[in-house]
């Protein structure tokens, strides 16, 4: 099993992009990935799972503004985003992958394969003389 400690999350960054925050959790039922996407419509998000890589990409659009509108401070980021998470494809059931967005948080669930559900087992020790 891939240790989820140190699992990297690739992203792209530029003036016209931003990086949504990502959490990766190992649960008893599988892997859960949460992505914070405030202000983003679910129809503007694409999730792709291929081989051992899950990608989440999309775009956050700038709201229509008044041409005479001036900002004292502007911290909100807009543009395209891309996050890639390595997935241990040999132990998750990619056919049963699901995603739901609740209150601007995207929850992606990757259940364990049935044959790998029990990750702990006793290993017998051979005695050689």
N, C-alpha and C. Protein backbone atom coordinates (compact mmCIF):
# COMPACT_ATOMS: atom_id res chain seq x y z
N UNK A 1 0.84 -1.20 0.00
CA UNK A 1 0.00 0.00 0.00
C UNK A 1 0.87 1.24 0.00
N UNK A 2 0.47 2.19 -0.75
CA UNK A 2 1.18 3.46 -0.78
C UNK A 2 0.88 4.19 0.51
N UNK A 3 1.88 4.65 1.18
CA UNK A 3 1.64 5.47 2.37
C UNK A 3 1.09 6.80 1.90
N UNK A 4 0.04 7.26 2.55
CA UNK A 4 -0.52 8.54 2.15
C UNK A 4 0.30 9.69 2.69
N UNK A 5 1.20 9.41 3.64
CA UNK A 5 2.12 10.45 4.09
C UNK A 5 3.03 10.77 2.92
N UNK A 6 3.18 12.01 2.61
CA UNK A 6 4.10 12.40 1.56
C UNK A 6 3.56 12.23 0.16
N UNK A 7 2.29 11.83 0.03
CA UNK A 7 1.73 11.74 -1.32
C UNK A 7 1.68 13.14 -1.87
N UNK A 8 2.32 13.35 -2.99
CA UNK A 8 2.40 14.68 -3.57
C UNK A 8 1.13 15.06 -4.30
N UNK A 9 0.89 16.32 -4.38
CA UNK A 9 -0.21 16.85 -5.16
C UNK A 9 0.39 17.87 -6.11
N UNK A 10 0.37 17.54 -7.39
CA UNK A 10 0.93 18.45 -8.38
C UNK A 10 -0.09 19.54 -8.69
N UNK A 11 0.42 20.70 -9.04
CA UNK A 11 -0.45 21.80 -9.42
C UNK A 11 0.31 22.71 -10.37
N UNK A 12 -0.46 23.53 -11.06
CA UNK A 12 0.13 24.54 -11.93
C UNK A 12 -0.21 25.89 -11.33
N UNK A 13 0.70 26.83 -11.45
CA UNK A 13 0.45 28.13 -10.86
C UNK A 13 0.94 29.23 -11.81
N UNK A 14 0.13 30.27 -11.92
CA UNK A 14 0.51 31.43 -12.71
C UNK A 14 -0.37 32.59 -12.29
N UNK A 15 -0.23 33.69 -12.97
CA UNK A 15 -1.03 34.88 -12.67
C UNK A 15 -2.52 34.62 -12.88
N UNK A 16 -2.86 33.76 -13.84
CA UNK A 16 -4.27 33.52 -14.17
C UNK A 16 -4.75 32.17 -13.65
N UNK A 17 -4.14 31.68 -12.58
CA UNK A 17 -4.57 30.42 -12.00
C UNK A 17 -4.48 30.51 -10.49
N UNK A 18 -5.03 29.50 -9.85
CA UNK A 18 -4.92 29.40 -8.40
C UNK A 18 -4.92 27.93 -8.04
N UNK A 19 -4.55 27.62 -6.81
CA UNK A 19 -4.47 26.25 -6.34
C UNK A 19 -5.46 26.03 -5.20
N UNK A 20 -6.56 25.33 -5.47
CA UNK A 20 -7.48 25.04 -4.37
C UNK A 20 -6.82 24.09 -3.36
N UNK A 21 -7.22 24.21 -2.11
CA UNK A 21 -6.65 23.37 -1.06
C UNK A 21 -7.18 21.95 -1.18
N UNK A 22 -6.29 20.97 -0.95
CA UNK A 22 -6.63 19.55 -1.10
C UNK A 22 -6.24 18.81 0.17
N UNK A 23 -7.13 17.92 0.64
CA UNK A 23 -6.82 17.00 1.74
C UNK A 23 -7.01 15.59 1.20
N UNK A 24 -6.14 14.67 1.64
CA UNK A 24 -6.22 13.27 1.23
C UNK A 24 -6.27 12.45 2.52
N UNK A 25 -7.31 11.62 2.66
CA UNK A 25 -7.47 10.82 3.87
C UNK A 25 -7.60 9.35 3.53
N UNK A 26 -6.98 8.52 4.33
CA UNK A 26 -7.13 7.06 4.22
C UNK A 26 -8.18 6.64 5.23
N UNK A 27 -9.30 6.15 4.73
CA UNK A 27 -10.40 5.72 5.57
C UNK A 27 -10.47 4.20 5.57
N UNK A 28 -11.30 3.64 6.45
CA UNK A 28 -11.46 2.18 6.47
C UNK A 28 -12.15 1.70 5.19
N UNK A 29 -12.88 2.58 4.53
CA UNK A 29 -13.62 2.20 3.32
C UNK A 29 -12.88 2.54 2.03
N UNK A 30 -11.83 3.35 2.11
CA UNK A 30 -11.09 3.73 0.91
C UNK A 30 -10.35 5.03 1.12
N UNK A 31 -10.11 5.73 0.03
CA UNK A 31 -9.43 7.02 0.07
C UNK A 31 -10.45 8.11 -0.20
N UNK A 32 -10.39 9.18 0.60
CA UNK A 32 -11.27 10.33 0.37
C UNK A 32 -10.40 11.55 0.11
N UNK A 33 -10.68 12.22 -0.98
CA UNK A 33 -9.97 13.45 -1.35
C UNK A 33 -10.98 14.58 -1.27
N UNK A 34 -10.62 15.62 -0.53
CA UNK A 34 -11.49 16.80 -0.46
C UNK A 34 -10.76 17.97 -1.10
N UNK A 35 -11.51 18.75 -1.86
CA UNK A 35 -10.95 19.91 -2.55
C UNK A 35 -11.86 21.09 -2.25
N UNK A 36 -11.30 22.16 -1.70
CA UNK A 36 -12.08 23.36 -1.40
C UNK A 36 -12.21 24.20 -2.67
N UNK A 37 -13.46 24.43 -3.09
CA UNK A 37 -13.73 25.15 -4.34
C UNK A 37 -14.78 26.24 -4.13
N UNK A 38 -14.51 27.20 -3.24
CA UNK A 38 -15.51 28.25 -3.01
C UNK A 38 -15.72 29.12 -4.25
N UNK A 39 -16.96 29.40 -4.54
CA UNK A 39 -17.29 30.27 -5.66
C UNK A 39 -17.22 29.59 -7.02
N UNK A 40 -17.08 28.27 -7.05
CA UNK A 40 -16.96 27.56 -8.32
C UNK A 40 -18.19 26.69 -8.52
N UNK A 41 -18.79 26.79 -9.69
CA UNK A 41 -19.94 25.97 -10.04
C UNK A 41 -19.46 24.55 -10.35
N UNK A 42 -20.15 23.53 -9.85
CA UNK A 42 -19.73 22.15 -10.13
C UNK A 42 -19.63 21.84 -11.63
N UNK A 43 -20.40 22.52 -12.46
CA UNK A 43 -20.33 22.27 -13.90
C UNK A 43 -19.03 22.80 -14.51
N UNK A 44 -18.27 23.60 -13.75
CA UNK A 44 -16.98 24.12 -14.22
C UNK A 44 -15.80 23.30 -13.72
N UNK A 45 -16.09 22.10 -13.17
CA UNK A 45 -15.07 21.22 -12.62
C UNK A 45 -15.07 19.90 -13.39
N UNK A 46 -13.87 19.41 -13.70
CA UNK A 46 -13.73 18.11 -14.38
C UNK A 46 -12.81 17.22 -13.54
N UNK A 47 -13.26 15.99 -13.30
CA UNK A 47 -12.47 15.01 -12.56
C UNK A 47 -12.14 13.88 -13.52
N UNK A 48 -10.86 13.52 -13.57
CA UNK A 48 -10.42 12.42 -14.44
C UNK A 48 -9.58 11.46 -13.63
N UNK A 49 -9.87 10.16 -13.78
CA UNK A 49 -9.09 9.13 -13.12
C UNK A 49 -8.56 8.21 -14.20
N UNK A 50 -7.24 8.21 -14.36
CA UNK A 50 -6.63 7.33 -15.36
C UNK A 50 -5.40 6.68 -14.75
N UNK A 51 -5.36 5.37 -14.89
CA UNK A 51 -4.27 4.57 -14.32
C UNK A 51 -4.08 4.93 -12.85
N UNK A 52 -2.98 5.56 -12.51
CA UNK A 52 -2.71 5.85 -11.10
C UNK A 52 -2.67 7.35 -10.81
N UNK A 53 -3.47 8.12 -11.55
CA UNK A 53 -3.48 9.57 -11.36
C UNK A 53 -4.92 10.11 -11.42
N UNK A 54 -5.30 10.82 -10.37
CA UNK A 54 -6.59 11.50 -10.34
C UNK A 54 -6.33 12.98 -10.56
N UNK A 55 -7.00 13.58 -11.52
CA UNK A 55 -6.84 15.02 -11.76
C UNK A 55 -8.16 15.74 -11.57
N UNK A 56 -8.06 16.90 -10.98
CA UNK A 56 -9.21 17.79 -10.80
C UNK A 56 -8.81 19.09 -11.46
N UNK A 57 -9.60 19.52 -12.42
CA UNK A 57 -9.29 20.78 -13.11
C UNK A 57 -10.58 21.54 -13.32
N UNK A 58 -10.42 22.83 -13.52
CA UNK A 58 -11.59 23.65 -13.76
C UNK A 58 -11.23 25.11 -13.84
N UNK A 59 -12.25 25.93 -13.65
CA UNK A 59 -12.03 27.37 -13.76
C UNK A 59 -12.97 28.10 -12.81
N UNK A 60 -12.42 29.15 -12.22
CA UNK A 60 -13.21 30.06 -11.38
C UNK A 60 -13.28 31.37 -12.15
N UNK A 61 -14.50 31.78 -12.46
CA UNK A 61 -14.70 32.97 -13.29
C UNK A 61 -14.82 34.22 -12.44
N UNK A 62 -14.29 35.31 -12.95
CA UNK A 62 -14.42 36.62 -12.32
C UNK A 62 -15.85 37.08 -12.50
N UNK A 63 -16.47 37.51 -11.43
CA UNK A 63 -17.85 37.97 -11.55
C UNK A 63 -17.89 39.27 -12.35
N UNK A 64 -19.02 39.55 -12.96
CA UNK A 64 -19.18 40.80 -13.70
C UNK A 64 -19.02 41.97 -12.75
N UNK A 65 -18.21 42.93 -13.14
CA UNK A 65 -17.97 44.08 -12.29
C UNK A 65 -18.31 45.36 -13.04
N UNK A 66 -18.55 46.38 -12.29
CA UNK A 66 -18.81 47.71 -12.84
C UNK A 66 -17.48 48.25 -13.37
N UNK A 67 -17.44 48.75 -14.61
CA UNK A 67 -16.17 49.26 -15.17
C UNK A 67 -15.52 50.34 -14.30
N UNK A 68 -16.30 51.07 -13.53
CA UNK A 68 -15.74 52.12 -12.68
C UNK A 68 -15.37 51.62 -11.29
N UNK A 69 -15.52 50.31 -11.05
CA UNK A 69 -15.26 49.74 -9.74
C UNK A 69 -13.75 49.74 -9.45
N UNK A 70 -13.38 50.28 -8.30
CA UNK A 70 -11.98 50.31 -7.87
C UNK A 70 -11.86 49.50 -6.59
N UNK A 71 -10.77 48.79 -6.45
CA UNK A 71 -10.54 47.97 -5.26
C UNK A 71 -9.52 48.63 -4.36
N UNK A 72 -9.75 48.54 -3.06
CA UNK A 72 -8.74 48.93 -2.09
C UNK A 72 -7.78 47.75 -1.89
N UNK A 73 -8.35 46.57 -1.98
CA UNK A 73 -7.57 45.34 -1.81
C UNK A 73 -8.27 44.24 -2.59
N UNK A 74 -7.51 43.45 -3.31
CA UNK A 74 -8.09 42.36 -4.10
C UNK A 74 -7.25 41.10 -3.88
N UNK A 75 -7.78 40.16 -3.08
CA UNK A 75 -7.05 38.94 -2.74
C UNK A 75 -7.64 37.70 -3.39
N UNK A 76 -8.85 37.78 -3.88
CA UNK A 76 -9.49 36.61 -4.49
C UNK A 76 -8.81 36.27 -5.81
N UNK A 77 -8.57 34.97 -6.00
CA UNK A 77 -7.91 34.51 -7.22
C UNK A 77 -8.95 33.92 -8.17
N UNK A 78 -8.74 34.12 -9.45
CA UNK A 78 -9.62 33.62 -10.48
C UNK A 78 -8.78 32.97 -11.56
N UNK A 79 -9.42 32.18 -12.37
CA UNK A 79 -8.72 31.55 -13.48
C UNK A 79 -8.82 30.05 -13.41
N UNK A 80 -7.92 29.41 -14.12
CA UNK A 80 -7.93 27.96 -14.22
C UNK A 80 -7.18 27.34 -13.05
N UNK A 81 -7.57 26.12 -12.69
CA UNK A 81 -6.84 25.38 -11.68
C UNK A 81 -6.67 23.93 -12.15
N UNK A 82 -5.64 23.29 -11.61
CA UNK A 82 -5.32 21.92 -11.95
C UNK A 82 -4.62 21.30 -10.75
N UNK A 83 -5.15 20.19 -10.26
CA UNK A 83 -4.50 19.44 -9.18
C UNK A 83 -4.43 17.99 -9.60
N UNK A 84 -3.32 17.34 -9.37
CA UNK A 84 -3.13 15.93 -9.71
C UNK A 84 -2.68 15.17 -8.48
N UNK A 85 -3.35 14.06 -8.20
CA UNK A 85 -3.06 13.26 -7.01
C UNK A 85 -2.72 11.84 -7.45
N UNK A 86 -1.53 11.35 -7.10
CA UNK A 86 -1.21 9.95 -7.40
C UNK A 86 -2.12 9.03 -6.60
N UNK A 87 -2.67 8.02 -7.26
CA UNK A 87 -3.60 7.09 -6.62
C UNK A 87 -3.04 5.68 -6.76
N UNK A 88 -3.04 4.90 -5.69
CA UNK A 88 -2.60 3.50 -5.79
C UNK A 88 -3.66 2.68 -6.52
N UNK A 89 -3.61 2.67 -7.85
CA UNK A 89 -4.65 2.06 -8.68
C UNK A 89 -4.84 0.58 -8.42
N UNK A 90 -3.81 -0.09 -7.93
CA UNK A 90 -3.92 -1.52 -7.71
C UNK A 90 -4.76 -1.88 -6.48
N UNK A 91 -5.08 -0.92 -5.62
CA UNK A 91 -5.86 -1.25 -4.42
C UNK A 91 -7.17 -0.47 -4.29
N UNK A 92 -7.47 0.42 -5.23
CA UNK A 92 -8.76 1.12 -5.19
C UNK A 92 -9.63 0.65 -6.35
N UNK A 93 -10.92 0.70 -6.14
CA UNK A 93 -11.89 0.31 -7.16
C UNK A 93 -12.26 1.56 -7.95
N UNK A 94 -11.55 1.82 -9.03
CA UNK A 94 -11.77 3.05 -9.80
C UNK A 94 -13.15 3.08 -10.44
N UNK A 95 -13.76 1.91 -10.69
CA UNK A 95 -15.10 1.87 -11.27
C UNK A 95 -16.16 2.38 -10.30
N UNK A 96 -15.87 2.34 -9.01
CA UNK A 96 -16.83 2.78 -8.00
C UNK A 96 -16.51 4.17 -7.46
N UNK A 97 -15.63 4.89 -8.13
CA UNK A 97 -15.27 6.25 -7.73
C UNK A 97 -16.51 7.14 -7.78
N UNK A 98 -16.66 8.00 -6.79
CA UNK A 98 -17.80 8.92 -6.79
C UNK A 98 -17.35 10.29 -6.31
N UNK A 99 -18.14 11.30 -6.66
CA UNK A 99 -17.83 12.67 -6.25
C UNK A 99 -19.12 13.40 -5.94
N UNK A 100 -19.06 14.25 -4.93
CA UNK A 100 -20.20 15.09 -4.56
C UNK A 100 -19.66 16.42 -4.06
N UNK A 101 -20.36 17.52 -4.36
CA UNK A 101 -19.95 18.82 -3.86
C UNK A 101 -20.99 19.29 -2.85
N UNK A 102 -20.51 19.60 -1.65
CA UNK A 102 -21.37 20.07 -0.57
C UNK A 102 -20.77 21.36 -0.03
N UNK A 103 -21.56 22.44 -0.08
CA UNK A 103 -21.11 23.74 0.44
C UNK A 103 -19.72 24.12 -0.09
N UNK A 104 -19.52 24.01 -1.39
CA UNK A 104 -18.29 24.40 -2.07
C UNK A 104 -17.09 23.53 -1.76
N UNK A 105 -17.32 22.36 -1.17
CA UNK A 105 -16.25 21.40 -0.93
C UNK A 105 -16.55 20.15 -1.74
N UNK A 106 -15.58 19.77 -2.58
CA UNK A 106 -15.71 18.59 -3.43
C UNK A 106 -15.16 17.39 -2.67
N UNK A 107 -15.98 16.34 -2.54
CA UNK A 107 -15.58 15.10 -1.89
C UNK A 107 -15.48 14.02 -2.95
N UNK A 108 -14.29 13.46 -3.13
CA UNK A 108 -14.07 12.38 -4.09
C UNK A 108 -13.75 11.13 -3.29
N UNK A 109 -14.52 10.06 -3.51
CA UNK A 109 -14.35 8.83 -2.77
C UNK A 109 -13.87 7.73 -3.70
N UNK A 110 -12.79 7.08 -3.31
CA UNK A 110 -12.24 5.93 -4.05
C UNK A 110 -12.25 4.73 -3.11
N UNK A 111 -13.24 3.84 -3.23
CA UNK A 111 -13.30 2.71 -2.30
C UNK A 111 -12.21 1.68 -2.58
N UNK A 112 -11.85 0.95 -1.53
CA UNK A 112 -10.87 -0.12 -1.68
C UNK A 112 -11.43 -1.22 -2.56
N UNK A 113 -10.57 -1.92 -3.28
CA UNK A 113 -10.97 -3.14 -3.98
C UNK A 113 -11.33 -4.16 -2.90
N UNK A 114 -12.29 -5.01 -3.17
CA UNK A 114 -12.71 -5.99 -2.17
C UNK A 114 -11.57 -6.91 -1.73
N UNK A 115 -10.74 -7.34 -2.67
CA UNK A 115 -9.66 -8.26 -2.32
C UNK A 115 -8.56 -7.59 -1.51
N UNK A 116 -8.55 -6.26 -1.42
CA UNK A 116 -7.52 -5.57 -0.64
C UNK A 116 -8.12 -4.84 0.55
N UNK A 117 -9.39 -5.13 0.84
CA UNK A 117 -10.07 -4.42 1.92
C UNK A 117 -9.36 -4.61 3.26
N UNK A 118 -8.91 -5.80 3.53
CA UNK A 118 -8.17 -6.05 4.76
C UNK A 118 -6.69 -5.78 4.49
N UNK A 119 -6.20 -4.66 4.95
CA UNK A 119 -4.82 -4.28 4.66
C UNK A 119 -3.83 -4.87 5.66
N UNK A 120 -4.33 -5.32 6.81
CA UNK A 120 -3.45 -5.90 7.82
C UNK A 120 -3.64 -7.42 7.83
N UNK A 121 -2.54 -8.12 7.95
CA UNK A 121 -2.61 -9.57 8.04
C UNK A 121 -1.38 -10.07 8.77
N UNK A 122 -1.51 -11.26 9.35
CA UNK A 122 -0.37 -11.87 10.02
C UNK A 122 0.52 -12.52 8.97
N UNK A 123 1.80 -12.40 9.17
CA UNK A 123 2.77 -13.01 8.27
C UNK A 123 3.50 -14.08 9.07
N UNK A 124 3.37 -15.34 8.65
CA UNK A 124 4.05 -16.41 9.41
C UNK A 124 5.57 -16.32 9.22
N UNK A 125 6.29 -16.75 10.23
CA UNK A 125 7.76 -16.73 10.19
C UNK A 125 8.25 -18.16 9.97
N UNK A 126 9.03 -18.35 8.93
CA UNK A 126 9.64 -19.65 8.67
C UNK A 126 10.88 -19.79 9.53
N UNK A 127 11.05 -20.99 10.06
CA UNK A 127 12.27 -21.27 10.84
C UNK A 127 13.17 -22.11 9.98
N UNK A 128 14.36 -21.62 9.72
CA UNK A 128 15.33 -22.33 8.91
C UNK A 128 16.53 -22.65 9.78
N UNK A 129 16.91 -23.92 9.78
CA UNK A 129 18.06 -24.35 10.62
C UNK A 129 19.13 -24.94 9.78
